[in-house]
Amino acid sequence: MLASEAPHAASGRVGPERESADSREPMTPTVLLVEDNEDNRTIYMDVLEHAGYHVVTAHDGEEGVHLACALRPDLILMDIGMPVIDGYLATRLLRADPCTRGIPIVAVTAHAMEGDREQALAGGFDGYVAKPATPREVLHEVQRRLGPPSLP
Protein backbone atom coordinates (compact mmCIF):
# COMPACT_ATOMS: atom_id res chain seq x y z
CA MET A 1 0.00 0.00 0.00
CA LEU A 2 1.34 3.42 -0.92
CA ALA A 3 1.09 6.22 1.62
CA SER A 4 -1.27 8.11 -0.70
CA GLU A 5 -3.70 5.19 -0.60
CA ALA A 6 -4.06 5.58 3.16
CA PRO A 7 -7.25 7.18 4.46
CA HIS A 8 -6.75 10.90 4.96
CA ALA A 9 -6.85 12.49 8.39
CA ALA A 10 -9.52 15.09 9.00
CA SER A 11 -7.63 18.29 8.31
CA GLY A 12 -7.97 21.22 5.99
CA ARG A 13 -4.20 21.69 5.80
CA VAL A 14 -2.09 20.63 2.91
CA GLY A 15 1.65 20.25 2.76
CA PRO A 16 4.71 22.24 1.77
CA GLU A 17 3.14 23.59 -1.40
CA ARG A 18 0.37 25.20 0.63
CA GLU A 19 -0.10 28.93 0.28
CA SER A 20 -1.22 31.53 2.75
CA ALA A 21 -4.09 33.90 2.01
CA ASP A 22 -1.39 36.44 1.17
CA SER A 23 1.17 34.43 -0.80
CA ARG A 24 3.91 36.84 0.30
CA GLU A 25 3.54 35.61 3.88
CA PRO A 26 5.80 32.67 4.75
CA MET A 27 4.05 29.66 6.22
CA THR A 28 5.03 28.13 9.53
CA PRO A 29 6.96 24.90 8.87
CA THR A 30 5.07 21.77 9.88
CA VAL A 31 6.83 18.94 11.69
CA LEU A 32 5.19 15.52 11.97
CA LEU A 33 6.38 13.83 15.17
CA VAL A 34 5.80 10.07 15.07
CA GLU A 35 6.52 8.75 18.58
CA ASP A 36 4.79 6.12 20.71
CA ASN A 37 6.10 7.39 24.06
CA GLU A 38 3.73 10.03 25.42
CA ASP A 39 6.39 11.79 27.50
CA ASN A 40 8.74 12.12 24.53
CA ARG A 41 5.89 13.33 22.30
CA THR A 42 4.92 15.99 24.82
CA ILE A 43 8.47 17.22 25.49
CA TYR A 44 9.54 17.37 21.84
CA MET A 45 6.24 18.92 20.75
CA ASP A 46 6.45 21.60 23.44
CA VAL A 47 9.99 22.67 22.56
CA LEU A 48 9.27 22.73 18.81
CA GLU A 49 6.04 24.68 19.22
CA HIS A 50 7.75 27.12 21.59
CA ALA A 51 10.39 27.67 18.89
CA GLY A 52 7.61 28.52 16.40
CA TYR A 53 7.06 25.29 14.45
CA HIS A 54 3.63 23.77 13.84
CA VAL A 55 3.72 20.20 15.24
CA VAL A 56 1.37 17.33 14.46
CA THR A 57 1.81 14.07 16.36
CA ALA A 58 1.19 10.41 15.60
CA HIS A 59 1.26 7.56 18.12
CA ASP A 60 2.54 4.82 15.80
CA GLY A 61 3.96 4.29 12.33
CA GLU A 62 0.63 3.54 10.69
CA GLU A 63 -0.90 6.80 11.91
CA GLY A 64 2.30 8.57 10.88
CA VAL A 65 2.03 7.29 7.30
CA HIS A 66 -1.61 8.40 7.09
CA LEU A 67 -0.85 11.87 8.45
CA ALA A 68 2.24 12.33 6.28
CA CYS A 69 0.19 11.77 3.15
CA ALA A 70 -2.70 13.92 4.30
CA LEU A 71 -0.62 16.84 5.56
CA ARG A 72 2.64 16.61 3.62
CA PRO A 73 4.69 18.09 6.46
CA ASP A 74 7.99 19.85 5.89
CA LEU A 75 9.84 17.32 8.08
CA ILE A 76 9.08 14.03 9.84
CA LEU A 77 10.69 13.00 13.14
CA MET A 78 10.21 9.22 13.30
CA ASP A 79 10.81 6.83 16.16
CA ILE A 80 11.93 3.39 15.00
CA GLY A 81 10.64 1.02 17.69
CA MET A 82 6.87 1.53 17.62
CA PRO A 83 3.75 -0.64 17.62
CA VAL A 84 1.57 -1.41 14.57
CA ILE A 85 4.17 -0.31 11.96
CA ASP A 86 7.76 0.36 13.03
CA GLY A 87 9.73 3.35 11.79
CA TYR A 88 11.60 1.34 9.14
CA LEU A 89 8.43 0.07 7.46
CA ALA A 90 6.73 3.47 7.76
CA THR A 91 9.75 5.09 6.09
CA ARG A 92 9.77 2.50 3.28
CA LEU A 93 6.07 3.17 2.64
CA LEU A 94 6.64 6.93 2.58
CA ARG A 95 9.66 6.60 0.26
CA ALA A 96 7.69 4.38 -2.14
CA ASP A 97 4.93 6.96 -2.58
CA PRO A 98 5.50 9.93 -4.93
CA CYS A 99 3.24 11.99 -2.62
CA THR A 100 5.66 11.69 0.32
CA ARG A 101 9.02 10.49 -0.99
CA GLY A 102 10.62 13.95 -0.91
CA ILE A 103 9.78 14.71 2.72
CA PRO A 104 12.91 14.55 4.91
CA ILE A 105 12.62 11.91 7.63
CA VAL A 106 14.85 11.95 10.71
CA ALA A 107 15.07 8.91 12.98
CA VAL A 108 14.76 9.88 16.65
CA THR A 109 15.34 6.56 18.32
CA ALA A 110 16.65 4.56 21.23
CA HIS A 111 18.27 2.23 18.68
CA ALA A 112 21.69 3.63 19.49
CA MET A 113 24.07 0.70 19.25
CA GLU A 114 27.07 0.61 16.94
CA GLY A 115 25.84 0.43 13.36
CA ASP A 116 22.28 1.67 14.10
CA ARG A 117 22.93 5.11 12.57
CA GLU A 118 24.24 3.52 9.37
CA GLN A 119 21.32 1.10 9.27
CA ALA A 120 18.84 3.97 9.65
CA LEU A 121 20.47 6.01 6.89
CA ALA A 122 20.59 2.94 4.62
CA GLY A 123 16.90 2.32 5.46
CA GLY A 124 15.79 5.62 3.96
CA PHE A 125 16.13 8.06 6.84
CA ASP A 126 17.77 11.40 6.05
CA GLY A 127 19.11 11.93 9.55
CA TYR A 128 19.50 10.28 12.92
CA VAL A 129 19.21 11.47 16.53
CA ALA A 130 19.92 8.93 19.29
CA LYS A 131 17.78 8.83 22.44
CA PRO A 132 17.91 9.86 25.07
CA ALA A 133 17.89 13.05 23.01
CA THR A 134 17.57 16.34 24.78
CA PRO A 135 14.88 18.70 23.54
CA ARG A 136 17.71 21.02 22.45
CA GLU A 137 19.23 18.27 20.25
CA VAL A 138 15.87 17.63 18.57
CA LEU A 139 15.29 21.35 18.06
CA HIS A 140 18.79 21.77 16.62
CA GLU A 141 18.18 18.96 14.10
CA VAL A 142 14.86 20.53 13.02
CA GLN A 143 16.46 23.98 12.69
CA ARG A 144 19.36 22.50 10.73
CA ARG A 145 16.96 20.96 8.22
CA LEU A 146 14.23 23.63 8.05
CA GLY A 147 15.87 26.78 9.33
CA PRO A 148 14.19 28.85 12.00
CA PRO A 149 10.48 29.47 11.51
CA SER A 150 9.52 32.93 10.27
CA LEU A 151 8.11 35.24 12.86
CA PRO A 152 4.71 36.79 12.12
C-alpha atoms as a PDB file:
ATOM      1  CA  MET A   1       0.000   0.000   0.000  1.00  0.00           C
ATOM      2  CA  LEU A   2       1.341   3.417  -0.920  1.00  0.00           C
ATOM      3  CA  ALA A   3       1.091   6.216   1.618  1.00  0.00           C
ATOM      4  CA  SER A   4      -1.271   8.113  -0.703  1.00  0.00           C
ATOM      5  CA  GLU A   5      -3.702   5.191  -0.602  1.00  0.00           C
ATOM      6  CA  ALA A   6      -4.058   5.582   3.162  1.00  0.00           C
ATOM      7  CA  PRO A   7      -7.248   7.185   4.461  1.00  0.00           C
ATOM      8  CA  HIS A   8      -6.749  10.896   4.958  1.00  0.00           C
ATOM      9  CA  ALA A   9      -6.848  12.490   8.386  1.00  0.00           C
ATOM     10  CA  ALA A  10      -9.517  15.093   9.005  1.00  0.00           C
ATOM     11  CA  SER A  11      -7.630  18.287   8.306  1.00  0.00           C
ATOM     12  CA  GLY A  12      -7.973  21.218   5.988  1.00  0.00           C
ATOM     13  CA  ARG A  13      -4.199  21.687   5.796  1.00  0.00           C
ATOM     14  CA  VAL A  14      -2.090  20.627   2.909  1.00  0.00           C
ATOM     15  CA  GLY A  15       1.649  20.253   2.762  1.00  0.00           C
ATOM     16  CA  PRO A  16       4.714  22.243   1.768  1.00  0.00           C
ATOM     17  CA  GLU A  17       3.139  23.588  -1.404  1.00  0.00           C
ATOM     18  CA  ARG A  18       0.368  25.199   0.629  1.00  0.00           C
ATOM     19  CA  GLU A  19      -0.102  28.928   0.277  1.00  0.00           C
ATOM     20  CA  SER A  20      -1.218  31.533   2.747  1.00  0.00           C
ATOM     21  CA  ALA A  21      -4.090  33.896   2.006  1.00  0.00           C
ATOM     22  CA  ASP A  22      -1.390  36.442   1.174  1.00  0.00           C
ATOM     23  CA  SER A  23       1.166  34.427  -0.803  1.00  0.00           C
ATOM     24  CA  ARG A  24       3.914  36.840   0.296  1.00  0.00           C
ATOM     25  CA  GLU A  25       3.542  35.605   3.879  1.00  0.00           C
ATOM     26  CA  PRO A  26       5.803  32.670   4.748  1.00  0.00           C
ATOM     27  CA  MET A  27       4.052  29.657   6.216  1.00  0.00           C
ATOM     28  CA  THR A  28       5.034  28.134   9.534  1.00  0.00           C
ATOM     29  CA  PRO A  29       6.964  24.898   8.869  1.00  0.00           C
ATOM     30  CA  THR A  30       5.069  21.774   9.884  1.00  0.00           C
ATOM     31  CA  VAL A  31       6.831  18.936  11.686  1.00  0.00           C
ATOM     32  CA  LEU A  32       5.188  15.520  11.974  1.00  0.00           C
ATOM     33  CA  LEU A  33       6.382  13.832  15.173  1.00  0.00           C
ATOM     34  CA  VAL A  34       5.803  10.068  15.072  1.00  0.00           C
ATOM     35  CA  GLU A  35       6.516   8.754  18.575  1.00  0.00           C
ATOM     36  CA  ASP A  36       4.785   6.123  20.708  1.00  0.00           C
ATOM     37  CA  ASN A  37       6.103   7.393  24.055  1.00  0.00           C
ATOM     38  CA  GLU A  38       3.733  10.029  25.417  1.00  0.00           C
ATOM     39  CA  ASP A  39       6.395  11.792  27.502  1.00  0.00           C
ATOM     40  CA  ASN A  40       8.743  12.118  24.528  1.00  0.00           C
ATOM     41  CA  ARG A  41       5.887  13.331  22.301  1.00  0.00           C
ATOM     42  CA  THR A  42       4.920  15.991  24.824  1.00  0.00           C
ATOM     43  CA  ILE A  43       8.471  17.216  25.486  1.00  0.00           C
ATOM     44  CA  TYR A  44       9.536  17.374  21.835  1.00  0.00           C
ATOM     45  CA  MET A  45       6.241  18.918  20.746  1.00  0.00           C
ATOM     46  CA  ASP A  46       6.446  21.600  23.444  1.00  0.00           C
ATOM     47  CA  VAL A  47       9.990  22.665  22.558  1.00  0.00           C
ATOM     48  CA  LEU A  48       9.275  22.727  18.814  1.00  0.00           C
ATOM     49  CA  GLU A  49       6.041  24.683  19.219  1.00  0.00           C
ATOM     50  CA  HIS A  50       7.750  27.123  21.590  1.00  0.00           C
ATOM     51  CA  ALA A  51      10.393  27.671  18.888  1.00  0.00           C
ATOM     52  CA  GLY A  52       7.611  28.518  16.403  1.00  0.00           C
ATOM     53  CA  TYR A  53       7.058  25.290  14.453  1.00  0.00           C
ATOM     54  CA  HIS A  54       3.629  23.768  13.845  1.00  0.00           C
ATOM     55  CA  VAL A  55       3.724  20.200  15.235  1.00  0.00           C
ATOM     56  CA  VAL A  56       1.372  17.328  14.457  1.00  0.00           C
ATOM     57  CA  THR A  57       1.807  14.073  16.365  1.00  0.00           C
ATOM     58  CA  ALA A  58       1.189  10.414  15.600  1.00  0.00           C
ATOM     59  CA  HIS A  59       1.257   7.560  18.121  1.00  0.00           C
ATOM     60  CA  ASP A  60       2.539   4.822  15.803  1.00  0.00           C
ATOM     61  CA  GLY A  61       3.956   4.287  12.327  1.00  0.00           C
ATOM     62  CA  GLU A  62       0.629   3.542  10.691  1.00  0.00           C
ATOM     63  CA  GLU A  63      -0.896   6.795  11.915  1.00  0.00           C
ATOM     64  CA  GLY A  64       2.303   8.574  10.879  1.00  0.00           C
ATOM     65  CA  VAL A  65       2.032   7.285   7.298  1.00  0.00           C
ATOM     66  CA  HIS A  66      -1.607   8.399   7.088  1.00  0.00           C
ATOM     67  CA  LEU A  67      -0.853  11.870   8.454  1.00  0.00           C
ATOM     68  CA  ALA A  68       2.236  12.331   6.282  1.00  0.00           C
ATOM     69  CA  CYS A  69       0.190  11.768   3.152  1.00  0.00           C
ATOM     70  CA  ALA A  70      -2.704  13.917   4.304  1.00  0.00           C
ATOM     71  CA  LEU A  71      -0.619  16.839   5.559  1.00  0.00           C
ATOM     72  CA  ARG A  72       2.644  16.610   3.619  1.00  0.00           C
ATOM     73  CA  PRO A  73       4.687  18.092   6.463  1.00  0.00           C
ATOM     74  CA  ASP A  74       7.989  19.850   5.890  1.00  0.00           C
ATOM     75  CA  LEU A  75       9.838  17.325   8.083  1.00  0.00           C
ATOM     76  CA  ILE A  76       9.080  14.031   9.838  1.00  0.00           C
ATOM     77  CA  LEU A  77      10.686  13.005  13.136  1.00  0.00           C
ATOM     78  CA  MET A  78      10.214   9.224  13.299  1.00  0.00           C
ATOM     79  CA  ASP A  79      10.813   6.829  16.159  1.00  0.00           C
ATOM     80  CA  ILE A  80      11.934   3.385  14.999  1.00  0.00           C
ATOM     81  CA  GLY A  81      10.637   1.016  17.686  1.00  0.00           C
ATOM     82  CA  MET A  82       6.868   1.530  17.620  1.00  0.00           C
ATOM     83  CA  PRO A  83       3.748  -0.639  17.617  1.00  0.00           C
ATOM     84  CA  VAL A  84       1.574  -1.411  14.573  1.00  0.00           C
ATOM     85  CA  ILE A  85       4.171  -0.314  11.962  1.00  0.00           C
ATOM     86  CA  ASP A  86       7.762   0.361  13.032  1.00  0.00           C
ATOM     87  CA  GLY A  87       9.725   3.351  11.789  1.00  0.00           C
ATOM     88  CA  TYR A  88      11.600   1.345   9.144  1.00  0.00           C
ATOM     89  CA  LEU A  89       8.427   0.069   7.461  1.00  0.00           C
ATOM     90  CA  ALA A  90       6.734   3.473   7.761  1.00  0.00           C
ATOM     91  CA  THR A  91       9.754   5.090   6.090  1.00  0.00           C
ATOM     92  CA  ARG A  92       9.772   2.504   3.281  1.00  0.00           C
ATOM     93  CA  LEU A  93       6.068   3.167   2.635  1.00  0.00           C
ATOM     94  CA  LEU A  94       6.637   6.928   2.578  1.00  0.00           C
ATOM     95  CA  ARG A  95       9.657   6.599   0.257  1.00  0.00           C
ATOM     96  CA  ALA A  96       7.685   4.379  -2.142  1.00  0.00           C
ATOM     97  CA  ASP A  97       4.928   6.955  -2.577  1.00  0.00           C
ATOM     98  CA  PRO A  98       5.500   9.931  -4.928  1.00  0.00           C
ATOM     99  CA  CYS A  99       3.239  11.985  -2.619  1.00  0.00           C
ATOM    100  CA  THR A 100       5.659  11.692   0.325  1.00  0.00           C
ATOM    101  CA  ARG A 101       9.025  10.488  -0.993  1.00  0.00           C
ATOM    102  CA  GLY A 102      10.619  13.950  -0.907  1.00  0.00           C
ATOM    103  CA  ILE A 103       9.783  14.707   2.723  1.00  0.00           C
ATOM    104  CA  PRO A 104      12.915  14.553   4.907  1.00  0.00           C
ATOM    105  CA  ILE A 105      12.618  11.914   7.634  1.00  0.00           C
ATOM    106  CA  VAL A 106      14.853  11.954  10.710  1.00  0.00           C
ATOM    107  CA  ALA A 107      15.070   8.914  12.983  1.00  0.00           C
ATOM    108  CA  VAL A 108      14.764   9.884  16.650  1.00  0.00           C
ATOM    109  CA  THR A 109      15.339   6.564  18.316  1.00  0.00           C
ATOM    110  CA  ALA A 110      16.647   4.565  21.228  1.00  0.00           C
ATOM    111  CA  HIS A 111      18.269   2.234  18.675  1.00  0.00           C
ATOM    112  CA  ALA A 112      21.694   3.625  19.488  1.00  0.00           C
ATOM    113  CA  MET A 113      24.073   0.697  19.247  1.00  0.00           C
ATOM    114  CA  GLU A 114      27.067   0.608  16.942  1.00  0.00           C
ATOM    115  CA  GLY A 115      25.840   0.434  13.364  1.00  0.00           C
ATOM    116  CA  ASP A 116      22.284   1.668  14.102  1.00  0.00           C
ATOM    117  CA  ARG A 117      22.931   5.111  12.567  1.00  0.00           C
ATOM    118  CA  GLU A 118      24.244   3.524   9.366  1.00  0.00           C
ATOM    119  CA  GLN A 119      21.321   1.099   9.271  1.00  0.00           C
ATOM    120  CA  ALA A 120      18.840   3.972   9.653  1.00  0.00           C
ATOM    121  CA  LEU A 121      20.467   6.007   6.886  1.00  0.00           C
ATOM    122  CA  ALA A 122      20.587   2.943   4.616  1.00  0.00           C
ATOM    123  CA  GLY A 123      16.902   2.319   5.461  1.00  0.00           C
ATOM    124  CA  GLY A 124      15.793   5.619   3.958  1.00  0.00           C
ATOM    125  CA  PHE A 125      16.133   8.060   6.836  1.00  0.00           C
ATOM    126  CA  ASP A 126      17.771  11.400   6.050  1.00  0.00           C
ATOM    127  CA  GLY A 127      19.109  11.932   9.549  1.00  0.00           C
ATOM    128  CA  TYR A 128      19.499  10.275  12.916  1.00  0.00           C
ATOM    129  CA  VAL A 129      19.212  11.468  16.529  1.00  0.00           C
ATOM    130  CA  ALA A 130      19.920   8.931  19.288  1.00  0.00           C
ATOM    131  CA  LYS A 131      17.783   8.834  22.438  1.00  0.00           C
ATOM    132  CA  PRO A 132      17.907   9.865  25.068  1.00  0.00           C
ATOM    133  CA  ALA A 133      17.889  13.045  23.009  1.00  0.00           C
ATOM    134  CA  THR A 134      17.565  16.337  24.780  1.00  0.00           C
ATOM    135  CA  PRO A 135      14.883  18.698  23.544  1.00  0.00           C
ATOM    136  CA  ARG A 136      17.706  21.017  22.450  1.00  0.00           C
ATOM    137  CA  GLU A 137      19.229  18.269  20.254  1.00  0.00           C
ATOM    138  CA  VAL A 138      15.875  17.625  18.572  1.00  0.00           C
ATOM    139  CA  LEU A 139      15.289  21.355  18.064  1.00  0.00           C
ATOM    140  CA  HIS A 140      18.790  21.772  16.616  1.00  0.00           C
ATOM    141  CA  GLU A 141      18.177  18.964  14.100  1.00  0.00           C
ATOM    142  CA  VAL A 142      14.862  20.529  13.018  1.00  0.00           C
ATOM    143  CA  GLN A 143      16.456  23.979  12.693  1.00  0.00           C
ATOM    144  CA  ARG A 144      19.360  22.502  10.731  1.00  0.00           C
ATOM    145  CA  ARG A 145      16.955  20.962   8.218  1.00  0.00           C
ATOM    146  CA  LEU A 146      14.231  23.626   8.046  1.00  0.00           C
ATOM    147  CA  GLY A 147      15.871  26.780   9.333  1.00  0.00           C
ATOM    148  CA  PRO A 148      14.193  28.848  12.003  1.00  0.00           C
ATOM    149  CA  PRO A 149      10.483  29.470  11.511  1.00  0.00           C
ATOM    150  CA  SER A 150       9.520  32.928  10.270  1.00  0.00           C
ATOM    151  CA  LEU A 151       8.111  35.235  12.858  1.00  0.00           C
ATOM    152  CA  PRO A 152       4.707  36.787  12.118  1.00  0.00           C
END
